[in-house]
Amino acid sequence: MKGVDRFNDLTVTAHVMSGVNVRFLLLNNLRGSDEAIKNFLTGAQELYLKVSLNPFFEPNQPILSELFRARVQQLAQRYFA
C-alpha cells in the first residue's frame, strides 16, 4: 500500500497483490489515516480472493455480485465513517 499519485487534492493509493496480476486503487482525501486505508485494502483483497476461488469466476471479467458490492461498502463504512 502506497500513495502513488495525486489528482487535484486527492491521493491515489495502490495495493498490489503478489502472485497474481491484480491491483487495487483507492482515490481518497484522507490525511493521517494510513492504518484505515491499509485495513480497508486488506479487507477488499480478502473479499476478492473469496470471489476468485469460486469455480464459476472468470478472470478479467467484472464482478457483478451485489453481495460483493455490499461487503466492500461495509468495509468502507467501518474504516472511513
Protein backbone atom coordinates (compact mmCIF):
# COMPACT_ATOMS: atom_id res chain seq x y z
CA MET A 1 0.00 0.00 0.00
CA LYS A 2 1.40 3.31 -1.01
CA GLY A 3 0.29 6.71 -2.24
CA VAL A 4 1.35 6.59 -5.86
CA ASP A 5 -0.08 9.79 -7.33
CA ARG A 6 -2.06 12.94 -6.64
CA PHE A 7 -5.08 14.23 -8.53
CA ASN A 8 -6.16 17.74 -7.58
CA ASP A 9 -6.40 17.47 -3.78
CA LEU A 10 -6.88 13.67 -3.79
CA THR A 11 -4.36 10.88 -3.30
CA VAL A 12 -4.28 7.68 -5.34
CA THR A 13 -3.34 4.76 -3.08
CA ALA A 14 -2.33 1.42 -4.60
CA HIS A 15 -2.30 -2.10 -3.21
CA VAL A 16 -0.70 -4.81 -5.36
CA MET A 17 -1.44 -8.47 -4.73
CA SER A 18 1.58 -10.70 -5.01
CA GLY A 19 1.44 -13.73 -7.26
CA VAL A 20 -1.49 -12.52 -9.37
CA ASN A 21 -1.91 -9.61 -11.72
CA VAL A 22 -4.39 -7.70 -9.53
CA ARG A 23 -4.11 -4.14 -8.27
CA PHE A 24 -6.47 -2.16 -6.08
CA LEU A 25 -6.58 1.62 -6.45
CA LEU A 26 -8.27 3.91 -3.94
CA LEU A 27 -8.86 7.59 -4.68
CA ASN A 28 -9.12 9.38 -1.33
CA ASN A 29 -8.69 12.64 0.52
CA LEU A 30 -7.90 11.04 3.87
CA ARG A 31 -4.97 12.54 5.70
CA GLY A 32 -3.19 10.75 8.51
CA SER A 33 -5.29 7.60 8.28
CA ASP A 34 -2.81 5.20 6.69
CA GLU A 35 -3.88 2.41 9.04
CA ALA A 36 -7.55 2.73 7.97
CA ILE A 37 -6.56 2.68 4.30
CA LYS A 38 -4.34 -0.35 4.85
CA ASN A 39 -7.09 -2.21 6.71
CA PHE A 40 -9.68 -1.37 4.04
CA LEU A 41 -7.48 -2.53 1.16
CA THR A 42 -6.52 -5.71 3.02
CA GLY A 43 -10.21 -6.45 3.64
CA ALA A 44 -11.02 -5.77 -0.03
CA GLN A 45 -8.24 -8.16 -1.02
CA GLU A 46 -9.71 -10.89 1.19
CA LEU A 47 -13.15 -10.37 -0.36
CA TYR A 48 -11.65 -10.53 -3.85
CA LEU A 49 -9.84 -13.77 -3.01
CA LYS A 50 -13.09 -15.33 -1.80
CA VAL A 51 -14.80 -14.38 -5.07
CA SER A 52 -11.90 -15.60 -7.20
CA LEU A 53 -11.96 -19.03 -5.52
CA ASN A 54 -15.46 -19.61 -6.89
CA PRO A 55 -15.18 -22.22 -9.70
CA PHE A 56 -17.51 -20.10 -11.86
CA PHE A 57 -15.35 -16.97 -11.53
CA GLU A 58 -13.90 -15.81 -14.83
CA PRO A 59 -10.66 -13.82 -14.56
CA ASN A 60 -10.58 -10.40 -16.22
CA GLN A 61 -14.36 -10.08 -16.03
CA PRO A 62 -16.24 -7.55 -13.91
CA ILE A 63 -17.53 -8.74 -10.53
CA LEU A 64 -21.28 -8.16 -10.75
CA SER A 65 -22.24 -9.61 -7.36
CA GLU A 66 -24.38 -7.30 -5.25
CA LEU A 67 -23.19 -9.16 -2.16
CA PHE A 68 -19.56 -8.33 -3.02
CA ARG A 69 -20.50 -4.67 -3.53
CA ALA A 70 -22.38 -4.57 -0.21
CA ARG A 71 -19.46 -6.09 1.69
CA VAL A 72 -16.98 -3.62 0.19
CA GLN A 73 -19.34 -0.80 1.20
CA GLN A 74 -19.49 -2.24 4.74
CA LEU A 75 -15.69 -2.19 4.85
CA ALA A 76 -15.66 1.44 3.72
CA GLN A 77 -18.17 2.40 6.39
CA ARG A 78 -16.20 0.56 9.07
CA TYR A 79 -12.88 2.21 8.28
CA PHE A 80 -13.83 5.61 6.86
CA ALA A 81 -17.07 6.65 8.60
